[in-house]
Protein backbone atom coordinates (compact mmCIF):
# COMPACT_ATOMS: atom_id res chain seq x y z
CA UNK A 1 -14.38 -5.90 11.04
CA UNK A 2 -12.75 -3.76 8.54
CA UNK A 3 -13.26 -3.72 4.56
CA UNK A 4 -10.59 -2.36 2.38
CA UNK A 5 -11.01 -1.37 -1.18
CA UNK A 6 -8.11 -0.50 -3.27
CA UNK A 7 -8.09 1.66 -6.55
CA UNK A 8 -5.89 3.71 -8.87
CA UNK A 9 -3.91 0.86 -10.52
CA UNK A 10 -3.26 0.70 -14.31
CA UNK A 11 -0.72 0.84 -17.11
CA UNK A 12 2.04 3.56 -16.96
CA UNK A 13 5.18 4.12 -18.77
CA UNK A 14 8.76 3.75 -16.95
CA UNK A 15 9.36 7.00 -15.03
CA UNK A 16 5.67 7.84 -14.64
CA UNK A 17 3.45 8.11 -11.58
CA UNK A 18 0.22 6.60 -10.02
CA UNK A 19 -1.50 7.08 -6.91
CA UNK A 20 -3.10 3.97 -5.15
CA UNK A 21 -6.13 4.70 -2.82
CA UNK A 22 -7.35 2.11 -0.13
CA UNK A 23 -10.82 2.94 1.16
CA UNK A 24 -11.39 1.58 4.63
CA UNK A 25 -14.76 0.97 6.31
CA UNK A 26 -15.35 1.56 10.10
CA UNK A 27 -15.27 4.26 12.62
CA UNK A 28 -11.73 3.83 14.04
CA UNK A 29 -9.59 4.07 11.02
CA UNK A 30 -7.29 6.59 12.72
CA UNK A 31 -6.41 3.56 15.17
CA UNK A 32 -5.23 1.27 12.60
CA UNK A 33 -1.73 0.65 11.07
CA UNK A 34 -1.98 0.60 7.20
CA UNK A 35 0.38 -1.32 5.06
CA UNK A 36 0.91 -1.86 1.42
CA UNK A 37 2.17 -5.01 -0.07
CA UNK A 38 2.88 -6.06 -3.57
CA UNK A 39 3.02 -9.41 -5.62
CA UNK A 40 4.77 -9.80 -8.81
CA UNK A 41 4.07 -12.86 -11.07
CA UNK A 42 6.20 -15.86 -9.67
CA UNK A 43 7.16 -14.10 -6.65
CA UNK A 44 6.13 -14.07 -2.95
CA UNK A 45 4.18 -10.90 -1.66
CA UNK A 46 6.62 -8.28 -0.19
CA UNK A 47 6.34 -5.16 1.78
CA UNK A 48 6.06 -1.95 0.19
CA UNK A 49 5.26 0.58 2.80
CA UNK A 50 3.34 1.22 6.04
CA UNK A 51 1.90 4.05 8.16
CA UNK A 52 0.92 3.77 11.75
CA UNK A 53 -1.41 5.88 13.92
CA UNK A 54 1.25 8.20 14.83
CA UNK A 55 1.92 8.77 11.18
CA UNK A 56 5.42 7.23 11.36
CA UNK A 57 6.25 5.67 8.14
CA UNK A 58 8.04 2.73 6.83
CA UNK A 59 9.45 1.65 3.40
CA UNK A 60 11.19 -1.08 1.79
CA UNK A 61 14.70 0.11 0.44
CA UNK A 62 13.69 -0.21 -3.20
CA UNK A 63 10.85 2.27 -3.13
CA UNK A 64 12.58 4.97 -0.70
CA UNK A 65 12.50 8.20 -2.26
CA UNK A 66 10.02 7.27 -4.98
CA UNK A 67 6.91 6.06 -2.93
CA UNK A 68 5.22 7.95 -0.51
CA UNK A 69 2.44 6.59 2.01
CA UNK A 70 0.03 8.95 3.70
CA UNK A 71 -3.38 8.77 5.21
CA UNK A 72 -6.59 10.84 5.39
CA UNK A 73 -8.35 9.87 8.54
CA UNK A 74 -11.32 12.04 7.75
CA UNK A 75 -11.88 10.13 4.50
CA UNK A 76 -10.90 6.56 5.94
CA UNK A 77 -8.34 6.44 2.96
CA UNK A 78 -4.73 5.64 2.79
CA UNK A 79 -2.75 6.51 -0.26
CA UNK A 80 0.42 5.28 -1.93
CA UNK A 81 1.92 8.07 -4.32
CA UNK A 82 4.51 6.23 -6.55
CA UNK A 83 6.82 8.30 -8.65
CA UNK A 84 9.63 7.31 -11.04
CA UNK A 85 8.02 4.08 -11.56
CA UNK A 86 10.02 1.12 -12.97
CA UNK A 87 9.28 -2.16 -14.79
CA UNK A 88 10.37 -4.01 -11.58
CA UNK A 89 7.50 -2.27 -9.70
CA UNK A 90 4.98 -4.34 -11.90
CA UNK A 91 2.83 -6.26 -9.39
CA UNK A 92 -0.48 -6.44 -7.70
CA UNK A 93 -0.71 -4.13 -4.93
CA UNK A 94 -2.51 -4.89 -1.69
CA UNK A 95 -3.67 -2.57 1.22
CA UNK A 96 -3.86 -4.28 4.74
CA UNK A 97 -4.74 -3.18 8.08
CA UNK A 98 -4.66 -4.16 11.65
CA UNK A 99 -5.10 -2.48 15.13
CA UNK A 100 -2.04 -3.85 16.73
CA UNK A 101 1.07 -4.39 14.20
CA UNK A 102 4.26 -5.87 15.97
CA UNK A 103 6.10 -5.75 12.86
CA UNK A 104 4.81 -3.37 10.09
CA UNK A 105 6.96 -5.26 7.35
CA UNK A 106 5.27 -8.77 8.00
CA UNK A 107 2.25 -9.79 6.30
CA UNK A 108 1.02 -11.76 9.45
CA UNK A 109 1.00 -8.65 11.47
CA UNK A 110 -2.27 -7.58 9.31
CA UNK A 111 -5.69 -9.33 9.76
CA UNK A 112 -7.56 -7.29 7.10
CA UNK A 113 -6.61 -7.38 3.29
CA UNK A 114 -8.18 -5.63 0.20
CA UNK A 115 -8.56 -7.45 -3.08
CA UNK A 116 -5.57 -5.95 -4.96
CA UNK A 117 -5.16 -3.58 -7.79
CA UNK A 118 -2.66 -4.17 -10.77
CA UNK A 119 -0.05 -1.81 -11.47
CA UNK A 120 2.00 -2.43 -14.75
CA UNK A 121 5.04 -0.34 -15.64
CA UNK A 122 6.21 -0.64 -19.40
CA UNK A 123 9.65 -0.06 -20.34
């Protein structure tokens, strides 16, 4: 069982930056694939970024070059550095985890989810 707790959300102006953190419980964090998803009001939850045990990273096209996912296995934490934020990045951001992930971009690949953290980007 893995528990995930996100933090770092908030209100920022367009062009600004935020860093989200997701702290995970458990002693085998390094073996987990970690993902970030987001859900804007009235929209479905969508994939944002993922990092697997080999530190290979994946991004949705809309955030490439602006967002960076990373992990610190010593701290059992995954980060999402978000730069050049846009109003369309406004959403609740969720952290997700699983040992075996066949498709890092699919919500159904992840068994464990955090409670979410709100990111609001004003224009």
